[in-house]
Amino acid sequence: DLLANPPYPNFDLAQVAAVAQQYQGVPY
């Protein structure tokens, strides 16, 4: 679903790092 309609169409490494930190606490 995300690939079909990406919420961040403009790629940015700093934004990638910020999005990744939103998922702290998700269980393995």
PDB file of all heavy atoms in Angstrom:
ATOM      1  N   ASP A   1       0.831  -1.204   0.000  1.00  0.00           N
ATOM      2  CA  ASP A   1       0.000   0.000   0.000  1.00  0.00           C
ATOM      3  C   ASP A   1       0.868   1.257   0.000  1.00  0.00           C
ATOM      4  O   ASP A   1       0.570   2.244  -0.689  1.00  0.00           O
ATOM      5  CB  ASP A   1      -0.912   0.018   1.228  1.00  0.00           C
ATOM      6  CG  ASP A   1      -1.915  -1.121   1.219  1.00  0.00           C
ATOM      7  OD1 ASP A   1      -2.289  -1.582   0.123  1.00  0.00           O
ATOM      8  OD2 ASP A   1      -2.297  -1.567   2.335  1.00  0.00           O
ATOM      9  N   LEU A   2       1.953   1.235   0.772  1.00  0.00           N
ATOM     10  CA  LEU A   2       2.840   2.398   0.866  1.00  0.00           C
ATOM     11  C   LEU A   2       3.561   2.652  -0.455  1.00  0.00           C
ATOM     12  O   LEU A   2       3.748   3.811  -0.865  1.00  0.00           O
ATOM     13  CB  LEU A   2       3.853   2.192   1.990  1.00  0.00           C
ATOM     14  CG  LEU A   2       3.265   2.149   3.412  1.00  0.00           C
ATOM     15  CD1 LEU A   2       4.355   1.769   4.420  1.00  0.00           C
ATOM     16  CD2 LEU A   2       2.640   3.490   3.786  1.00  0.00           C
ATOM     17  N   LEU A   3       3.988   1.579  -1.094  1.00  0.00           N
ATOM     18  CA  LEU A   3       4.679   1.740  -2.373  1.00  0.00           C
ATOM     19  C   LEU A   3       3.729   2.313  -3.425  1.00  0.00           C
ATOM     20  O   LEU A   3       4.139   3.107  -4.296  1.00  0.00           O
ATOM     21  CB  LEU A   3       5.243   0.401  -2.847  1.00  0.00           C
ATOM     22  CG  LEU A   3       6.434  -0.150  -2.051  1.00  0.00           C
ATOM     23  CD1 LEU A   3       6.782  -1.568  -2.508  1.00  0.00           C
ATOM     24  CD2 LEU A   3       7.648   0.777  -2.197  1.00  0.00           C
ATOM     25  N   ALA A   4       2.451   1.923  -3.339  1.00  0.00           N
ATOM     26  CA  ALA A   4       1.477   2.426  -4.313  1.00  0.00           C
ATOM     27  C   ALA A   4       1.136   3.894  -4.051  1.00  0.00           C
ATOM     28  O   ALA A   4       0.817   4.649  -4.985  1.00  0.00           O
ATOM     29  CB  ALA A   4       0.211   1.571  -4.266  1.00  0.00           C
ATOM     30  N   ASN A   5       1.230   4.302  -2.832  1.00  0.00           N
ATOM     31  CA  ASN A   5       0.894   5.691  -2.484  1.00  0.00           C
ATOM     32  C   ASN A   5       1.803   6.158  -1.352  1.00  0.00           C
ATOM     33  O   ASN A   5       1.385   6.281  -0.206  1.00  0.00           O
ATOM     34  CB  ASN A   5      -0.570   5.775  -2.054  1.00  0.00           C
ATOM     35  CG  ASN A   5      -1.035   7.192  -1.857  1.00  0.00           C
ATOM     36  OD1 ASN A   5      -0.438   8.152  -2.385  1.00  0.00           O
ATOM     37  ND2 ASN A   5      -2.102   7.357  -1.074  1.00  0.00           N
ATOM     38  N   PRO A   6       3.077   6.442  -1.650  1.00  0.00           N
ATOM     39  CA  PRO A   6       4.035   6.794  -0.595  1.00  0.00           C
ATOM     40  C   PRO A   6       3.695   8.128   0.073  1.00  0.00           C
ATOM     41  O   PRO A   6       3.432   9.124  -0.619  1.00  0.00           O
ATOM     42  CB  PRO A   6       5.371   6.872  -1.347  1.00  0.00           C
ATOM     43  CG  PRO A   6       5.007   7.101  -2.762  1.00  0.00           C
ATOM     44  CD  PRO A   6       3.697   6.410  -2.979  1.00  0.00           C
ATOM     45  N   PRO A   7       3.693   8.161   1.410  1.00  0.00           N
ATOM     46  CA  PRO A   7       3.404   9.427   2.116  1.00  0.00           C
ATOM     47  C   PRO A   7       4.541  10.444   1.989  1.00  0.00           C
ATOM     48  O   PRO A   7       4.316  11.636   2.214  1.00  0.00           O
ATOM     49  CB  PRO A   7       3.215   8.981   3.567  1.00  0.00           C
ATOM     50  CG  PRO A   7       3.898   7.663   3.678  1.00  0.00           C
ATOM     51  CD  PRO A   7       3.804   7.023   2.355  1.00  0.00           C
ATOM     52  N   TYR A   8       5.770   9.968   1.629  1.00  0.00           N
ATOM     53  CA  TYR A   8       6.915  10.877   1.449  1.00  0.00           C
ATOM     54  C   TYR A   8       7.490  10.636   0.048  1.00  0.00           C
ATOM     55  O   TYR A   8       8.459   9.912  -0.129  1.00  0.00           O
ATOM     56  CB  TYR A   8       7.993  10.617   2.518  1.00  0.00           C
ATOM     57  CG  TYR A   8       7.464  10.692   3.945  1.00  0.00           C
ATOM     58  CD1 TYR A   8       7.162   9.515   4.645  1.00  0.00           C
ATOM     59  CD2 TYR A   8       7.275  11.912   4.575  1.00  0.00           C
ATOM     60  CE1 TYR A   8       6.682   9.569   5.948  1.00  0.00           C
ATOM     61  CE2 TYR A   8       6.790  11.966   5.874  1.00  0.00           C
ATOM     62  CZ  TYR A   8       6.492  10.784   6.564  1.00  0.00           C
ATOM     63  OH  TYR A   8       6.006  10.841   7.832  1.00  0.00           O
ATOM     64  N   PRO A   9       6.897  11.268  -0.961  1.00  0.00           N
ATOM     65  CA  PRO A   9       7.362  11.007  -2.337  1.00  0.00           C
ATOM     66  C   PRO A   9       8.746  11.556  -2.634  1.00  0.00           C
ATOM     67  O   PRO A   9       9.431  11.067  -3.541  1.00  0.00           O
ATOM     68  CB  PRO A   9       6.302  11.695  -3.207  1.00  0.00           C
ATOM     69  CG  PRO A   9       5.660  12.709  -2.326  1.00  0.00           C
ATOM     70  CD  PRO A   9       5.737  12.177  -0.946  1.00  0.00           C
ATOM     71  N   ASN A  10       9.211  12.528  -1.910  1.00  0.00           N
ATOM     72  CA  ASN A  10      10.540  13.083  -2.126  1.00  0.00           C
ATOM     73  C   ASN A  10      11.518  12.437  -1.145  1.00  0.00           C
ATOM     74  O   ASN A  10      11.410  12.619   0.075  1.00  0.00           O
ATOM     75  CB  ASN A  10      10.535  14.600  -1.947  1.00  0.00           C
ATOM     76  CG  ASN A  10       9.615  15.303  -2.928  1.00  0.00           C
ATOM     77  OD1 ASN A  10       9.589  14.961  -4.119  1.00  0.00           O
ATOM     78  ND2 ASN A  10       8.854  16.268  -2.441  1.00  0.00           N
ATOM     79  N   PHE A  11      12.470  11.684  -1.678  1.00  0.00           N
ATOM     80  CA  PHE A  11      13.393  10.945  -0.837  1.00  0.00           C
ATOM     81  C   PHE A  11      14.365  11.894  -0.135  1.00  0.00           C
ATOM     82  O   PHE A  11      14.948  12.784  -0.764  1.00  0.00           O
ATOM     83  CB  PHE A  11      14.184   9.936  -1.683  1.00  0.00           C
ATOM     84  CG  PHE A  11      15.095   9.055  -0.865  1.00  0.00           C
ATOM     85  CD1 PHE A  11      14.621   7.960  -0.173  1.00  0.00           C
ATOM     86  CD2 PHE A  11      16.461   9.358  -0.762  1.00  0.00           C
ATOM     87  CE1 PHE A  11      15.470   7.173   0.574  1.00  0.00           C
ATOM     88  CE2 PHE A  11      17.304   8.570  -0.007  1.00  0.00           C
ATOM     89  CZ  PHE A  11      16.815   7.470   0.676  1.00  0.00           C
ATOM     90  N   ASP A  12      14.542  11.665   1.192  1.00  0.00           N
ATOM     91  CA  ASP A  12      15.472  12.481   1.969  1.00  0.00           C
ATOM     92  C   ASP A  12      16.000  11.612   3.103  1.00  0.00           C
ATOM     93  O   ASP A  12      15.215  11.081   3.903  1.00  0.00           O
ATOM     94  CB  ASP A  12      14.745  13.709   2.526  1.00  0.00           C
ATOM     95  CG  ASP A  12      15.651  14.574   3.368  1.00  0.00           C
ATOM     96  OD1 ASP A  12      16.439  15.343   2.798  1.00  0.00           O
ATOM     97  OD2 ASP A  12      15.573  14.445   4.622  1.00  0.00           O
ATOM     98  N   LEU A  13      17.358  11.466   3.177  1.00  0.00           N
ATOM     99  CA  LEU A  13      17.943  10.575   4.191  1.00  0.00           C
ATOM    100  C   LEU A  13      17.591  11.003   5.617  1.00  0.00           C
ATOM    101  O   LEU A  13      17.293  10.156   6.468  1.00  0.00           O
ATOM    102  CB  LEU A  13      19.462  10.518   4.019  1.00  0.00           C
ATOM    103  CG  LEU A  13      19.992   9.642   2.875  1.00  0.00           C
ATOM    104  CD1 LEU A  13      21.505   9.787   2.752  1.00  0.00           C
ATOM    105  CD2 LEU A  13      19.618   8.166   3.132  1.00  0.00           C
ATOM    106  N   ALA A  14      17.650  12.295   5.907  1.00  0.00           N
ATOM    107  CA  ALA A  14      17.332  12.760   7.256  1.00  0.00           C
ATOM    108  C   ALA A  14      15.888  12.424   7.622  1.00  0.00           C
ATOM    109  O   ALA A  14      15.583  12.039   8.765  1.00  0.00           O
ATOM    110  CB  ALA A  14      17.572  14.259   7.362  1.00  0.00           C
ATOM    111  N   GLN A  15      14.975  12.533   6.606  1.00  0.00           N
ATOM    112  CA  GLN A  15      13.575  12.189   6.853  1.00  0.00           C
ATOM    113  C   GLN A  15      13.422  10.692   7.085  1.00  0.00           C
ATOM    114  O   GLN A  15      12.614  10.262   7.894  1.00  0.00           O
ATOM    115  CB  GLN A  15      12.725  12.632   5.661  1.00  0.00           C
ATOM    116  CG  GLN A  15      11.223  12.519   5.891  1.00  0.00           C
ATOM    117  CD  GLN A  15      10.711  13.490   6.947  1.00  0.00           C
ATOM    118  OE1 GLN A  15      11.094  14.666   6.954  1.00  0.00           O
ATOM    119  NE2 GLN A  15       9.849  12.997   7.828  1.00  0.00           N
ATOM    120  N   VAL A  16      14.232   9.899   6.361  1.00  0.00           N
ATOM    121  CA  VAL A  16      14.207   8.441   6.577  1.00  0.00           C
ATOM    122  C   VAL A  16      14.549   8.117   8.036  1.00  0.00           C
ATOM    123  O   VAL A  16      13.882   7.307   8.693  1.00  0.00           O
ATOM    124  CB  VAL A  16      15.198   7.728   5.624  1.00  0.00           C
ATOM    125  CG1 VAL A  16      15.367   6.262   6.022  1.00  0.00           C
ATOM    126  CG2 VAL A  16      14.715   7.837   4.188  1.00  0.00           C
ATOM    127  N   ALA A  17      15.610   8.746   8.566  1.00  0.00           N
ATOM    128  CA  ALA A  17      16.025   8.503   9.943  1.00  0.00           C
ATOM    129  C   ALA A  17      14.931   8.924  10.928  1.00  0.00           C
ATOM    130  O   ALA A  17      14.690   8.237  11.939  1.00  0.00           O
ATOM    131  CB  ALA A  17      17.314   9.265  10.229  1.00  0.00           C
ATOM    132  N   ALA A  18      14.248  10.039  10.647  1.00  0.00           N
ATOM    133  CA  ALA A  18      13.191  10.511  11.534  1.00  0.00           C
ATOM    134  C   ALA A  18      11.991   9.560  11.533  1.00  0.00           C
ATOM    135  O   ALA A  18      11.424   9.244  12.576  1.00  0.00           O
ATOM    136  CB  ALA A  18      12.760  11.918  11.108  1.00  0.00           C
ATOM    137  N   VAL A  19      11.603   9.073  10.344  1.00  0.00           N
ATOM    138  CA  VAL A  19      10.473   8.129  10.259  1.00  0.00           C
ATOM    139  C   VAL A  19      10.809   6.829  10.982  1.00  0.00           C
ATOM    140  O   VAL A  19       9.978   6.255  11.693  1.00  0.00           O
ATOM    141  CB  VAL A  19      10.118   7.864   8.780  1.00  0.00           C
ATOM    142  CG1 VAL A  19       9.124   6.700   8.666  1.00  0.00           C
ATOM    143  CG2 VAL A  19       9.541   9.123   8.138  1.00  0.00           C
ATOM    144  N   ALA A  20      12.029   6.364  10.819  1.00  0.00           N
ATOM    145  CA  ALA A  20      12.429   5.097  11.442  1.00  0.00           C
ATOM    146  C   ALA A  20      12.262   5.153  12.959  1.00  0.00           C
ATOM    147  O   ALA A  20      11.843   4.176  13.599  1.00  0.00           O
ATOM    148  CB  ALA A  20      13.872   4.779  11.075  1.00  0.00           C
ATOM    149  N   GLN A  21      12.552   6.320  13.576  1.00  0.00           N
ATOM    150  CA  GLN A  21      12.499   6.429  15.039  1.00  0.00           C
ATOM    151  C   GLN A  21      11.066   6.432  15.583  1.00  0.00           C
ATOM    152  O   GLN A  21      10.853   6.279  16.787  1.00  0.00           O
ATOM    153  CB  GLN A  21      13.237   7.697  15.475  1.00  0.00           C
ATOM    154  CG  GLN A  21      14.738   7.626  15.192  1.00  0.00           C
ATOM    155  CD  GLN A  21      15.474   8.900  15.577  1.00  0.00           C
ATOM    156  OE1 GLN A  21      15.535   9.266  16.759  1.00  0.00           O
ATOM    157  NE2 GLN A  21      16.021   9.592  14.584  1.00  0.00           N
ATOM    158  N   GLN A  22      10.093   6.590  14.699  1.00  0.00           N
ATOM    159  CA  GLN A  22       8.699   6.550  15.143  1.00  0.00           C
ATOM    160  C   GLN A  22       8.269   5.149  15.584  1.00  0.00           C
ATOM    161  O   GLN A  22       7.251   5.011  16.273  1.00  0.00           O
ATOM    162  CB  GLN A  22       7.780   7.021  14.005  1.00  0.00           C
ATOM    163  CG  GLN A  22       7.981   8.467  13.576  1.00  0.00           C
ATOM    164  CD  GLN A  22       7.135   8.828  12.364  1.00  0.00           C
ATOM    165  OE1 GLN A  22       6.285   8.041  11.922  1.00  0.00           O
ATOM    166  NE2 GLN A  22       7.356  10.022  11.822  1.00  0.00           N
ATOM    167  N   TYR A  23       9.043   4.140  15.212  1.00  0.00           N
ATOM    168  CA  TYR A  23       8.617   2.756  15.463  1.00  0.00           C
ATOM    169  C   TYR A  23       9.349   2.109  16.651  1.00  0.00           C
ATOM    170  O   TYR A  23       9.339   0.894  16.792  1.00  0.00           O
ATOM    171  CB  TYR A  23       8.790   1.924  14.188  1.00  0.00           C
ATOM    172  CG  TYR A  23       7.942   2.447  13.058  1.00  0.00           C
ATOM    173  CD1 TYR A  23       8.503   3.195  12.015  1.00  0.00           C
ATOM    174  CD2 TYR A  23       6.564   2.240  13.047  1.00  0.00           C
ATOM    175  CE1 TYR A  23       7.723   3.713  10.999  1.00  0.00           C
ATOM    176  CE2 TYR A  23       5.771   2.759  12.026  1.00  0.00           C
ATOM    177  CZ  TYR A  23       6.360   3.494  11.015  1.00  0.00           C
ATOM    178  OH  TYR A  23       5.563   4.007  10.009  1.00  0.00           O
ATOM    179  N   GLN A  24       9.934   2.945  17.493  1.00  0.00           N
ATOM    180  CA  GLN A  24      10.560   2.383  18.695  1.00  0.00           C
ATOM    181  C   GLN A  24       9.490   1.698  19.559  1.00  0.00           C
ATOM    182  O   GLN A  24       8.413   2.244  19.793  1.00  0.00           O
ATOM    183  CB  GLN A  24      11.230   3.487  19.509  1.00  0.00           C
ATOM    184  CG  GLN A  24      12.430   4.122  18.825  1.00  0.00           C
ATOM    185  CD  GLN A  24      13.069   5.195  19.706  1.00  0.00           C
ATOM    186  OE1 GLN A  24      13.740   4.884  20.680  1.00  0.00           O
ATOM    187  NE2 GLN A  24      12.856   6.451  19.347  1.00  0.00           N
ATOM    188  N   GLY A  25       9.820   0.510  20.014  1.00  0.00           N
ATOM    189  CA  GLY A  25       8.884  -0.242  20.854  1.00  0.00           C
ATOM    190  C   GLY A  25       8.092  -1.288  20.117  1.00  0.00           C
ATOM    191  O   GLY A  25       7.411  -2.105  20.755  1.00  0.00           O
ATOM    192  N   VAL A  26       8.151  -1.288  18.771  1.00  0.00           N
ATOM    193  CA  VAL A  26       7.454  -2.360  18.041  1.00  0.00           C
ATOM    194  C   VAL A  26       8.146  -3.688  18.355  1.00  0.00           C
ATOM    195  O   VAL A  26       9.369  -3.796  18.258  1.00  0.00           O
ATOM    196  CB  VAL A  26       7.465  -2.087  16.519  1.00  0.00           C
ATOM    197  CG1 VAL A  26       6.873  -3.278  15.765  1.00  0.00           C
ATOM    198  CG2 VAL A  26       6.682  -0.815  16.213  1.00  0.00           C
ATOM    199  N   PRO A  27       7.408  -4.719  18.732  1.00  0.00           N
ATOM    200  CA  PRO A  27       8.043  -5.992  19.092  1.00  0.00           C
ATOM    201  C   PRO A  27       8.667  -6.687  17.892  1.00  0.00           C
ATOM    202  O   PRO A  27       8.213  -6.543  16.753  1.00  0.00           O
ATOM    203  CB  PRO A  27       6.880  -6.818  19.663  1.00  0.00           C
ATOM    204  CG  PRO A  27       5.660  -6.234  19.033  1.00  0.00           C
ATOM    205  CD  PRO A  27       5.932  -4.762  18.889  1.00  0.00           C
ATOM    206  N   TYR A  28       9.709  -7.437  18.188  1.00  0.00           N
ATOM    207  CA  TYR A  28      10.341  -8.239  17.142  1.00  0.00           C
ATOM    208  C   TYR A  28       9.447  -9.441  16.839  1.00  0.00           C
ATOM    209  O   TYR A  28       9.000 -10.147  17.745  1.00  0.00           O
ATOM    210  CB  TYR A  28      11.711  -8.735  17.602  1.00  0.00           C
ATOM    211  CG  TYR A  28      12.383  -9.628  16.582  1.00  0.00           C
ATOM    212  CD1 TYR A  28      13.237  -9.091  15.626  1.00  0.00           C
ATOM    213  CD2 TYR A  28      12.142 -10.997  16.557  1.00  0.00           C
ATOM    214  CE1 TYR A  28      13.848  -9.898  14.673  1.00  0.00           C
ATOM    215  CE2 TYR A  28      12.741 -11.814  15.615  1.00  0.00           C
ATOM    216  CZ  TYR A  28      13.599 -11.270  14.670  1.00  0.00           C
ATOM    217  OH  TYR A  28      14.192 -12.071  13.729  1.00  0.00           O
TER     218      TYR A  28
END
